[in-house]
Amino acid sequence: MAEVELTWTGSVATIALARGAKRNAVTIAMQHELLAALDRVAADPETRALVVTGQGGDFCVGGDREIIARMGEDAAFRTETAGLHNRLVRRLFAFDIPLIAAVEGAALGFGAELAACCDMVLMGDTARLGDPHVRFGLPPAPVVLLVWPQLASRLAVAELIMTGRDVLAPEAVSLGLASRMVPAGTALAEAQALAATMAALPAHGIIQARRAMRLEIADIDRLYFDAP
């Protein structure tokens, strides 16, 4: 059974983690399927926006326990999973089209990373966000370490990643870790509507905006001299 589902509505693609019975805990198979789905979206010139979500009650609660246990015992497996994770993150950051996360329930660990890779994060009002790795004696998720300090106060982020504390949607929005809070159960519909709005705009402006949002201040010249 597929662990990731890819659908299109016009020029908006939606990728859904489809392991709802396991709260979308990430397996190696799911990561491979996710990468394949992202490659399909990237290869489609008609796709103008991408929504990422999870089926069932949660966005993604992080890595499957069997993977986490094996990573602690098998160095070769840790290297393999790190390489796969790196390819996923690079693919997500390489998109020119806007990415929107539609979060219901829990987005923890890998789920928090997946949301952080997106340009906008819509959370149902009962959703929560967090990186609990430190509770298990593990370092925080790489994308959380990279992105969260760019979105929120470093002091606030330090507390979250050094305690593993979850934040509910209102706090996530107030900290800047999420774009908007919506009524529970409506995050996907709201994200798809937002994606459709952006998909209807001229592509060049959206491309340049997303590229600019990924630049450091020191890269300012690239706003003027990079080709579209």
Protein backbone atom coordinates (compact mmCIF):
# COMPACT_ATOMS: atom_id res chain seq x y z
CA MET A 1 0.00 0.00 0.00
CA ALA A 2 1.29 3.44 -0.93
CA GLU A 3 2.55 5.54 1.96
CA VAL A 4 2.44 8.81 -0.01
CA GLU A 5 -0.33 10.00 -2.32
CA LEU A 6 0.09 12.65 -5.01
CA THR A 7 -2.90 14.36 -6.60
CA TRP A 8 -3.49 17.40 -8.75
CA THR A 9 -6.31 19.93 -8.82
CA GLY A 10 -5.61 22.05 -11.85
CA SER A 11 -2.14 23.52 -11.40
CA VAL A 12 -1.99 22.76 -7.65
CA ALA A 13 -0.37 19.52 -6.53
CA THR A 14 -1.07 17.95 -3.15
CA ILE A 15 1.24 15.45 -1.50
CA ALA A 16 -0.30 13.58 1.42
CA LEU A 17 1.54 11.30 3.81
CA ALA A 18 -0.75 8.28 3.76
CA ARG A 19 0.14 6.26 6.84
CA GLY A 20 -2.64 7.69 8.94
CA ALA A 21 -3.13 4.58 11.06
CA LYS A 22 0.44 5.07 12.31
CA ARG A 23 0.04 8.85 12.65
CA ASN A 24 2.18 9.21 9.50
CA ALA A 25 5.31 8.07 11.31
CA VAL A 26 8.03 8.11 8.67
CA THR A 27 9.48 4.91 7.25
CA ILE A 28 12.28 4.47 4.72
CA ALA A 29 9.67 3.46 2.14
CA MET A 30 7.69 6.64 2.82
CA GLN A 31 10.78 8.78 2.36
CA HIS A 32 11.55 7.13 -0.99
CA GLU A 33 7.93 7.60 -2.08
CA LEU A 34 7.98 11.21 -0.93
CA LEU A 35 11.14 11.90 -2.91
CA ALA A 36 9.62 10.28 -6.00
CA ALA A 37 6.46 12.37 -5.61
CA LEU A 38 8.50 15.56 -5.24
CA ASP A 39 10.47 14.66 -8.37
CA ARG A 40 7.21 14.18 -10.30
CA VAL A 41 5.96 17.58 -9.18
CA ALA A 42 9.28 19.23 -10.05
CA ALA A 43 9.18 17.67 -13.53
CA ASP A 44 5.67 18.96 -14.31
CA PRO A 45 5.86 22.42 -15.89
CA GLU A 46 2.14 23.00 -15.36
CA THR A 47 2.30 22.73 -11.57
CA ARG A 48 2.33 26.16 -9.98
CA ALA A 49 2.00 25.38 -6.26
CA LEU A 50 2.38 22.42 -3.91
CA VAL A 51 0.48 21.59 -0.72
CA VAL A 52 1.95 19.07 1.75
CA THR A 53 -0.32 17.41 4.30
CA GLY A 54 -0.93 14.22 6.25
CA GLN A 55 -3.92 11.91 6.14
CA GLY A 56 -5.74 10.97 9.32
CA GLY A 57 -5.54 13.03 12.48
CA ASP A 58 -1.87 14.02 12.34
CA PHE A 59 0.51 15.71 9.93
CA CYS A 60 3.49 13.53 10.91
CA VAL A 61 4.71 12.46 14.36
CA GLY A 62 8.30 11.91 13.26
CA GLY A 63 10.35 8.83 12.53
CA ASP A 64 8.98 5.33 12.93
CA ARG A 65 10.27 3.79 16.16
CA GLU A 66 11.89 0.88 14.30
CA ILE A 67 13.96 3.32 12.22
CA ILE A 68 15.04 5.27 15.29
CA ALA A 69 16.06 2.06 17.09
CA ARG A 70 18.00 0.78 14.08
CA MET A 71 19.79 4.12 13.64
CA GLY A 72 21.10 3.77 17.17
CA GLU A 73 22.58 0.34 16.40
CA ASP A 74 23.70 0.45 12.76
CA ALA A 75 26.19 3.09 11.57
CA ALA A 76 25.78 2.12 7.90
CA PHE A 77 22.03 2.53 8.19
CA ARG A 78 22.51 5.96 9.80
CA THR A 79 24.63 6.99 6.82
CA GLU A 80 22.01 5.69 4.38
CA THR A 81 19.15 7.50 6.10
CA ALA A 82 21.17 10.72 6.36
CA GLY A 83 21.76 10.64 2.60
CA LEU A 84 18.09 10.07 1.87
CA HIS A 85 17.10 12.86 4.25
CA ASN A 86 19.59 15.20 2.58
CA ARG A 87 18.13 14.48 -0.88
CA LEU A 88 14.61 15.15 0.38
CA VAL A 89 15.55 18.46 1.96
CA ARG A 90 17.51 19.59 -1.09
CA ARG A 91 14.57 18.78 -3.35
CA LEU A 92 12.17 20.74 -1.16
CA PHE A 93 14.43 23.79 -0.99
CA ALA A 94 15.12 23.66 -4.75
CA PHE A 95 11.51 24.27 -5.80
CA ASP A 96 10.62 27.58 -7.43
CA ILE A 97 6.90 27.08 -6.89
CA PRO A 98 5.43 27.95 -3.47
CA LEU A 99 5.09 25.16 -0.90
CA ILE A 100 2.35 25.25 1.74
CA ALA A 101 2.05 22.89 4.71
CA ALA A 102 -1.45 22.04 5.90
CA VAL A 103 -1.00 20.84 9.48
CA GLU A 104 -3.59 19.08 11.61
CA GLY A 105 -2.78 17.20 14.80
CA ALA A 106 0.91 16.72 15.53
CA ALA A 107 3.88 17.84 13.41
CA LEU A 108 6.84 16.50 15.36
CA GLY A 109 10.44 15.76 14.46
CA PHE A 110 10.46 14.98 10.74
CA GLY A 111 6.96 16.47 10.57
CA ALA A 112 8.26 19.76 11.99
CA GLU A 113 11.08 19.64 9.44
CA LEU A 114 8.70 19.04 6.57
CA ALA A 115 6.62 22.03 7.63
CA ALA A 116 9.76 24.17 8.04
CA CYS A 117 10.77 23.39 4.45
CA CYS A 118 7.55 25.03 3.25
CA ASP A 119 7.05 28.74 2.53
CA MET A 120 3.80 28.93 4.47
CA VAL A 121 2.40 26.79 7.29
CA LEU A 122 -1.33 26.68 8.04
CA MET A 123 -2.23 24.98 11.30
CA GLY A 124 -5.57 23.80 12.56
CA ASP A 125 -6.32 25.46 15.89
CA THR A 126 -5.74 22.21 17.81
CA ALA A 127 -2.51 21.31 15.96
CA ARG A 128 0.90 21.26 17.61
CA LEU A 129 4.47 21.59 16.48
CA GLY A 130 7.68 20.42 18.09
CA ASP A 131 11.00 18.63 17.88
CA PRO A 132 11.29 16.06 20.68
CA HIS A 133 14.68 14.60 19.65
CA VAL A 134 16.46 15.92 22.73
CA ARG A 135 14.18 13.85 24.95
CA PHE A 136 15.69 10.72 23.40
CA GLY A 137 19.28 11.89 23.68
CA LEU A 138 19.41 12.84 20.01
CA PRO A 139 20.36 16.17 18.39
CA PRO A 140 17.52 18.28 17.00
CA ALA A 141 16.34 17.72 13.44
CA PRO A 142 18.71 19.45 10.98
CA VAL A 143 16.07 21.56 9.22
CA VAL A 144 14.64 22.69 12.55
CA LEU A 145 18.11 23.83 13.57
CA LEU A 146 18.56 25.62 10.26
CA VAL A 147 15.16 27.23 9.73
CA TRP A 148 13.53 27.92 13.10
CA PRO A 149 16.13 30.49 14.24
CA GLN A 150 15.43 32.39 11.01
CA LEU A 151 11.71 32.51 11.78
CA ALA A 152 11.61 33.16 15.52
CA SER A 153 13.71 34.55 18.35
CA ARG A 154 16.83 32.47 18.92
CA LEU A 155 16.04 32.52 22.63
CA ALA A 156 12.57 31.11 22.03
CA VAL A 157 13.91 28.48 19.64
CA ALA A 158 16.66 27.51 22.09
CA GLU A 159 14.03 26.73 24.72
CA LEU A 160 11.99 24.62 22.31
CA ILE A 161 14.83 22.54 20.89
CA MET A 162 16.66 22.14 24.21
CA THR A 163 13.56 20.94 26.08
CA GLY A 164 11.67 19.23 23.26
CA ARG A 165 8.55 21.17 24.23
CA ASP A 166 5.62 21.19 21.80
CA VAL A 167 3.81 24.41 20.94
CA LEU A 168 0.13 24.60 20.10
CA ALA A 169 -1.03 26.48 17.00
CA PRO A 170 -1.62 29.87 18.71
CA GLU A 171 1.91 29.93 20.13
CA ALA A 172 3.42 28.65 16.87
CA VAL A 173 1.81 31.55 15.01
CA SER A 174 2.85 34.09 17.64
CA LEU A 175 6.46 32.86 17.48
CA GLY A 176 6.52 32.96 13.68
CA LEU A 177 6.85 29.20 13.21
CA ALA A 178 3.47 29.08 11.45
CA SER A 179 1.78 31.53 9.10
CA ARG A 180 -1.83 31.24 10.13
CA MET A 181 -4.18 29.36 12.41
CA VAL A 182 -7.45 28.07 10.95
CA PRO A 183 -10.35 26.09 12.42
CA ALA A 184 -9.45 22.46 13.06
CA GLY A 185 -10.24 20.27 10.08
CA THR A 186 -9.93 23.09 7.52
CA ALA A 187 -6.15 23.37 7.10
CA LEU A 188 -6.03 21.37 3.86
CA ALA A 189 -8.90 23.25 2.22
CA GLU A 190 -7.46 26.59 3.30
CA ALA A 191 -3.99 25.64 2.05
CA GLN A 192 -5.34 24.50 -1.30
CA ALA A 193 -7.30 27.73 -1.68
CA LEU A 194 -4.18 29.75 -0.89
CA ALA A 195 -2.18 27.65 -3.35
CA ALA A 196 -4.79 28.23 -6.07
CA THR A 197 -4.61 31.99 -5.47
CA MET A 198 -0.85 31.99 -5.97
CA ALA A 199 -1.05 29.59 -8.92
CA ALA A 200 -3.24 32.15 -10.71
CA LEU A 201 -0.59 34.87 -10.42
CA PRO A 202 2.16 35.45 -13.01
CA ALA A 203 4.77 32.73 -12.51
CA HIS A 204 7.84 34.95 -12.80
CA GLY A 205 6.96 37.08 -9.79
CA ILE A 206 6.31 34.01 -7.61
CA ILE A 207 9.58 32.40 -8.72
CA GLN A 208 11.60 35.50 -7.90
CA ALA A 209 9.83 35.94 -4.57
CA ARG A 210 10.57 32.38 -3.45
CA ARG A 211 14.19 32.63 -4.54
CA ALA A 212 14.60 35.92 -2.70
CA MET A 213 13.13 34.47 0.50
CA ARG A 214 15.83 31.79 0.41
CA LEU A 215 18.73 34.25 0.10
CA GLU A 216 20.94 35.58 2.84
CA ILE A 217 21.33 39.36 3.12
CA ALA A 218 24.88 38.99 1.81
CA ASP A 219 23.43 37.58 -1.43
CA ILE A 220 21.50 40.77 -2.29
CA ASP A 221 23.18 41.14 -5.70
CA ARG A 222 21.59 37.88 -6.82
CA LEU A 223 18.18 39.60 -6.73
CA TYR A 224 19.36 41.84 -9.56
CA PHE A 225 21.61 39.64 -11.64
CA ASP A 226 20.21 36.11 -11.48
CA ALA A 227 18.27 34.97 -14.53
CA PRO A 228 14.65 33.99 -13.95
